Protein backbone atom coordinates (compact mmCIF):
# COMPACT_ATOMS: atom_id res chain seq x y z
CA UNK A 1 -0.03 0.06 -0.01
CA UNK A 2 1.10 3.60 -0.69
CA UNK A 3 -0.40 6.37 1.38
CA UNK A 4 -0.14 10.15 1.77
CA UNK A 5 0.27 11.28 5.33
CA UNK A 6 -2.01 14.14 6.41
CA UNK A 7 -1.55 15.53 9.90
CA UNK A 8 -5.02 16.99 10.48
CA UNK A 9 -7.94 14.59 11.01
CA UNK A 10 -10.88 14.87 8.61
CA UNK A 11 -14.16 13.23 7.99
CA UNK A 12 -15.37 11.76 4.67
CA UNK A 13 -18.98 12.72 4.03
CA UNK A 14 -19.33 11.96 0.28
CA UNK A 15 -17.78 8.91 -1.38
CA UNK A 16 -17.68 8.65 -5.10
CA UNK A 17 -17.24 5.19 -6.60
CA UNK A 18 -15.86 4.96 -10.23
CA UNK A 19 -14.91 1.96 -12.23
CA UNK A 20 -16.02 -1.33 -13.74
CA UNK A 21 -17.93 -4.39 -12.50
CA UNK A 22 -15.79 -4.72 -9.39
CA UNK A 23 -16.80 -1.37 -8.02
CA UNK A 24 -20.30 -2.02 -9.32
CA UNK A 25 -20.38 -4.79 -6.72
CA UNK A 26 -20.44 -7.88 -8.92
CA UNK A 27 -19.53 -10.88 -6.84
CA UNK A 28 -21.31 -9.79 -3.70
CA UNK A 29 -24.98 -10.48 -4.34
CA UNK A 30 -27.70 -9.59 -2.01
CA UNK A 31 -30.45 -12.05 -0.90
CA UNK A 32 -33.19 -10.05 -2.62
CA UNK A 33 -31.17 -9.30 -5.77
CA UNK A 34 -28.71 -6.68 -6.82
CA UNK A 35 -25.10 -6.18 -5.76
CA UNK A 36 -23.45 -4.52 -2.80
CA UNK A 37 -19.64 -4.58 -2.99
CA UNK A 38 -16.69 -2.50 -1.94
CA UNK A 39 -18.37 0.96 -2.27
CA UNK A 40 -21.31 0.41 0.13
CA UNK A 41 -19.07 -1.46 2.57
CA UNK A 42 -16.52 1.39 2.64
CA UNK A 43 -19.26 3.99 2.74
CA UNK A 44 -20.79 2.32 5.84
CA UNK A 45 -17.29 2.33 7.50
CA UNK A 46 -16.99 6.03 6.89
CA UNK A 47 -20.54 6.97 7.53
CA UNK A 48 -20.48 8.70 4.11
CA UNK A 49 -23.10 9.24 1.48
CA UNK A 50 -22.24 6.89 -1.48
CA UNK A 51 -22.63 7.84 -5.14
CA UNK A 52 -21.71 4.93 -7.38
CA UNK A 53 -21.10 5.84 -11.05
CA UNK A 54 -19.46 2.54 -12.07
CA UNK A 55 -20.94 0.08 -14.53
CA UNK A 56 -20.04 -3.35 -15.83
CA UNK A 57 -17.65 -3.41 -18.77
CA UNK A 58 -16.33 0.06 -18.15
CA UNK A 59 -12.91 0.85 -19.47
CA UNK A 60 -10.61 3.70 -18.36
CA UNK A 61 -11.88 5.92 -21.15
CA UNK A 62 -15.48 5.36 -19.90
CA UNK A 63 -14.40 6.33 -16.38
CA UNK A 64 -12.80 9.56 -17.78
CA UNK A 65 -15.47 10.48 -20.34
CA UNK A 66 -18.69 9.36 -18.72
CA UNK A 67 -18.28 8.74 -15.00
CA UNK A 68 -15.94 11.57 -13.96
CA UNK A 69 -18.28 14.42 -15.06
CA UNK A 70 -21.06 12.96 -13.08
CA UNK A 71 -18.89 12.32 -10.06
CA UNK A 72 -17.58 15.91 -10.02
CA UNK A 73 -21.16 17.13 -9.73
CA UNK A 74 -21.44 15.48 -6.33
CA UNK A 75 -18.28 17.24 -5.06
CA UNK A 76 -16.93 14.09 -3.23
CA UNK A 77 -14.27 14.35 -0.48
CA UNK A 78 -13.03 10.89 -1.27
CA UNK A 79 -13.28 8.50 -4.26
CA UNK A 80 -12.42 4.98 -5.34
CA UNK A 81 -11.27 4.39 -8.87
CA UNK A 82 -10.84 0.65 -9.88
CA UNK A 83 -10.63 0.15 -13.72
CA UNK A 84 -8.26 -1.10 -16.41
CA UNK A 85 -8.84 -4.88 -16.51
CA UNK A 86 -11.34 -4.55 -19.34
CA UNK A 87 -8.67 -2.62 -21.26
CA UNK A 88 -6.14 -5.40 -20.79
CA UNK A 89 -8.58 -7.91 -22.37
CA UNK A 90 -8.94 -5.97 -25.61
CA UNK A 91 -6.69 -5.95 -28.71
CA UNK A 92 -6.62 -2.13 -28.71
CA UNK A 93 -4.87 -1.92 -25.23
CA UNK A 94 -2.92 1.30 -25.08
CA UNK A 95 -0.98 2.14 -21.82
CA UNK A 96 -0.29 5.75 -22.98
CA UNK A 97 -3.95 6.56 -23.28
CA UNK A 98 -4.80 4.71 -20.06
CA UNK A 99 -2.23 6.81 -18.21
CA UNK A 100 -3.50 10.06 -19.78
CA UNK A 101 -7.10 9.23 -18.78
CA UNK A 102 -6.32 8.15 -15.34
CA UNK A 103 -4.10 11.17 -14.60
CA UNK A 104 -6.99 13.45 -15.64
CA UNK A 105 -9.49 11.51 -13.46
CA UNK A 106 -7.32 11.76 -10.37
CA UNK A 107 -6.26 15.38 -10.85
CA UNK A 108 -9.74 16.54 -11.55
CA UNK A 109 -11.12 14.94 -8.38
CA UNK A 110 -8.04 16.21 -6.40
CA UNK A 111 -8.78 19.69 -7.64
CA UNK A 112 -12.14 19.51 -5.84
CA UNK A 113 -10.43 18.43 -2.64
CA UNK A 114 -11.10 14.66 -2.90
CA UNK A 115 -8.66 12.09 -1.76
CA UNK A 116 -8.63 9.51 -4.61
CA UNK A 117 -7.83 5.85 -3.91
CA UNK A 118 -6.45 3.61 -6.63
CA UNK A 119 -5.65 -0.15 -6.83
CA UNK A 120 -2.94 -1.99 -8.63
CA UNK A 121 -3.75 -5.47 -9.82
CA UNK A 122 -2.87 -9.02 -8.73
CA UNK A 123 -1.92 -11.76 -11.13
CA UNK A 124 -5.25 -12.98 -12.45
CA UNK A 125 -3.70 -16.17 -13.91
CA UNK A 126 -3.31 -17.47 -10.33
CA UNK A 127 -7.04 -17.19 -9.80
CA UNK A 128 -8.56 -17.80 -13.27
CA UNK A 129 -6.86 -20.65 -15.22
CA UNK A 130 -6.04 -19.94 -18.84
CA UNK A 131 -3.98 -21.71 -21.57
CA UNK A 132 -0.23 -20.92 -21.34
CA UNK A 133 -0.04 -18.47 -24.19
CA UNK A 134 -3.11 -16.53 -22.94
CA UNK A 135 -1.81 -16.52 -19.47
CA UNK A 136 1.46 -15.00 -20.48
CA UNK A 137 -0.23 -12.44 -22.59
CA UNK A 138 -2.59 -11.41 -19.84
CA UNK A 139 0.18 -11.21 -17.28
CA UNK A 140 2.14 -8.92 -19.63
CA UNK A 141 -0.84 -6.66 -19.98
CA UNK A 142 -1.42 -6.52 -16.24
CA UNK A 143 2.23 -5.75 -15.64
CA UNK A 144 2.01 -2.88 -18.04
CA UNK A 145 -1.20 -1.66 -16.54
CA UNK A 146 0.34 -1.75 -13.07
CA UNK A 147 3.34 0.24 -14.35
CA UNK A 148 0.85 2.92 -15.49
CA UNK A 149 -0.85 2.99 -12.17
CA UNK A 150 2.55 3.27 -10.40
CA UNK A 151 3.37 6.27 -12.48
CA UNK A 152 0.02 7.91 -11.71
CA UNK A 153 0.51 7.25 -8.02
CA UNK A 154 4.04 8.76 -8.18
CA UNK A 155 2.80 11.88 -10.02
CA UNK A 156 -0.37 12.47 -8.07
CA UNK A 157 0.41 11.06 -4.61
CA UNK A 158 -2.80 9.06 -4.69
CA UNK A 159 -3.03 6.34 -1.97
CA UNK A 160 -2.89 2.91 -3.72
CA UNK A 161 -3.97 -0.52 -2.60
CA UNK A 162 -1.70 -3.28 -3.93
CA UNK A 163 -3.94 -6.32 -4.51
CA UNK A 164 -1.06 -8.61 -5.22
CA UNK A 165 0.42 -7.99 -1.65
CA UNK A 166 -2.89 -8.06 0.19
CA UNK A 167 -2.83 -10.96 2.67
CA UNK A 168 -4.95 -13.79 1.46
CA UNK A 169 -5.64 -12.26 -1.91
CA UNK A 170 -5.17 -15.59 -3.67
CA UNK A 171 -7.45 -17.65 -1.42
CA UNK A 172 -10.33 -19.34 -3.16
CA UNK A 173 -12.88 -17.94 -0.70
CA UNK A 174 -11.85 -14.43 -1.72
CA UNK A 175 -13.20 -14.96 -5.30
CA UNK A 176 -16.73 -15.24 -6.66
CA UNK A 177 -17.97 -18.14 -8.78
CA UNK A 178 -16.55 -16.61 -11.95
CA UNK A 179 -13.04 -16.26 -10.41
CA UNK A 180 -12.97 -12.80 -11.97
CA UNK A 181 -14.73 -10.75 -9.31
CA UNK A 182 -14.25 -10.68 -5.53
CA UNK A 183 -16.74 -12.63 -3.36
CA UNK A 184 -18.34 -10.98 -0.37
CA UNK A 185 -15.10 -11.65 1.49
CA UNK A 186 -13.06 -10.25 -1.25
CA UNK A 187 -15.10 -6.99 -1.38
CA UNK A 188 -14.83 -6.71 2.38
CA UNK A 189 -11.02 -7.06 2.13
CA UNK A 190 -10.96 -4.36 -0.57
CA UNK A 191 -13.05 -1.99 1.54
CA UNK A 192 -10.99 -2.69 4.60
CA UNK A 193 -7.81 -2.01 2.72
CA UNK A 194 -9.18 1.28 1.37
CA UNK A 195 -10.28 2.17 4.90
CA UNK A 196 -6.73 1.63 6.17
CA UNK A 197 -5.32 3.86 3.43
CA UNK A 198 -7.84 6.65 4.31
CA UNK A 199 -6.99 6.28 8.10
CA UNK A 200 -3.33 6.62 7.22
CA UNK A 201 -4.19 9.83 5.28
CA UNK A 202 -5.86 11.25 8.41
CA UNK A 203 -9.46 10.32 7.67
CA UNK A 204 -11.68 9.27 10.50
CA UNK A 205 -13.03 5.72 9.97
CA UNK A 206 -15.77 5.33 12.67
CA UNK A 207 -16.74 1.71 11.80
CA UNK A 208 -13.78 -0.22 10.33
CA UNK A 209 -14.93 -2.86 7.82
CA UNK A 210 -15.40 -6.36 9.34
CA UNK A 211 -14.10 -9.41 7.42
CA UNK A 212 -16.93 -11.50 8.84
CA UNK A 213 -19.30 -12.20 5.97
CA UNK A 214 -23.00 -11.42 6.57
CA UNK A 215 -25.80 -10.09 4.56
CA UNK A 216 -24.55 -11.52 1.27
CA UNK A 217 -25.78 -14.68 -0.61
CA UNK A 218 -23.22 -17.36 -1.29
CA UNK A 219 -23.35 -19.16 -4.64
CA UNK A 220 -24.34 -22.82 -4.75
CA UNK A 221 -22.97 -25.62 -6.87
CA UNK A 222 -25.74 -25.25 -9.49
CA UNK A 223 -24.81 -21.59 -9.90
CA UNK A 224 -21.12 -22.52 -10.32
CA UNK A 225 -22.08 -24.94 -13.13
CA UNK A 226 -24.52 -22.46 -14.75
CA UNK A 227 -21.93 -19.76 -14.77
CA UNK A 228 -19.36 -21.95 -16.44
CA UNK A 229 -21.73 -23.04 -19.21
CA UNK A 230 -23.64 -19.77 -19.81
CA UNK A 231 -20.93 -17.21 -19.22
CA UNK A 232 -17.60 -18.64 -18.46
CA UNK A 233 -16.85 -20.61 -21.71
CA UNK A 234 -18.34 -17.93 -23.96
CA UNK A 235 -16.28 -15.29 -22.10
CA UNK A 236 -13.06 -17.31 -22.56
CA UNK A 237 -13.86 -17.82 -26.26
CA UNK A 238 -14.46 -14.10 -26.90
CA UNK A 239 -11.43 -12.92 -24.91
CA UNK A 240 -9.32 -15.80 -26.35
CA UNK A 241 -10.02 -14.62 -29.90
CA UNK A 242 -8.94 -11.03 -28.88
CA UNK A 243 -5.88 -12.03 -27.02
CA UNK A 244 -4.54 -14.97 -29.03
CA UNK A 245 -3.06 -12.78 -31.84
CA UNK A 246 -1.36 -10.68 -29.17
CA UNK A 247 -0.11 -13.74 -27.34
CA UNK A 248 1.41 -15.11 -30.55
CA UNK A 249 2.92 -11.69 -31.32
CA UNK A 250 4.66 -11.32 -27.94
CA UNK A 251 6.12 -14.79 -28.21
CA UNK A 252 7.57 -14.03 -31.68
CA UNK A 253 8.90 -10.65 -30.58
CA UNK A 254 10.46 -12.21 -27.50
CA UNK A 255 12.28 -14.72 -29.69
CA UNK A 256 13.45 -11.88 -31.92
CA UNK A 257 14.45 -9.71 -28.95
CA UNK A 258 12.15 -6.90 -29.90
CA UNK A 259 10.35 -4.64 -27.51
CA UNK A 260 6.53 -4.67 -27.23
CA UNK A 261 5.04 -1.75 -29.18
CA UNK A 262 2.38 0.51 -27.81
CA UNK A 263 -1.16 -0.16 -29.01
CA UNK A 264 -3.69 2.23 -30.71
CA UNK A 265 -6.07 4.50 -28.83
CA UNK A 266 -8.68 2.42 -27.09
CA UNK A 267 -12.35 2.67 -28.01
CA UNK A 268 -14.64 4.29 -25.42
CA UNK A 269 -17.57 1.85 -25.76
CA UNK A 270 -17.78 -0.49 -22.80
CA UNK A 271 -17.05 -4.17 -23.44
CA UNK A 272 -18.78 -6.52 -21.08
CA UNK A 273 -16.61 -9.25 -19.56
């Protein structure tokens, strides 16, 4: 974790949540339908009003172009931004544009006085099994995405939660049925980690997030099987077609000793995982 030390204690009253399906709450279902997730859990810990602008399939450009303007209208004093994985899964992945968009998101929120919390990613291949070439391609993408996030943290001073170093991050109970999104426990761990970052930055956290699961609805074996057939295999096929050419390309360039080129500007339209 990276945090900015602030000597004067302060209280977060308005929390803005920006990002993709993780911040939307996918993986932490409620008994009567809908999702909860890291935003409400952190909001409850802070006693803050929550405004969640995230949506499934969002890419960094979506966060910048669509979510940020709405978030600024609420004048938050703290914000979560988790996005970028949907960019890594596309053939038009472009770290330069991701960096430019993320810098603008953080600085715009900072300009209104908000403390912006970021997250750098874990190794998804340790949770979601993929064929060797796709695993290597995805890890390369995530490494490059994390390098961008590190640069943004250095430039802006944004507190950042390192998911790869979070204790227990690779435990099976931390992940939902799809192995792509956090489970209720995973969302609680994210919220607790963000709460610790805010506390280190001088924010009062009246009700620290508990890691005891309650209120969510665990998936059963039938739901595991249904997800695999209805969503898991089709998802792997779509993403495989998009990443396979890239996977082949990086292997060839590696053998030739050539550096990985930057990609084109990413499209703004969200791509559902």
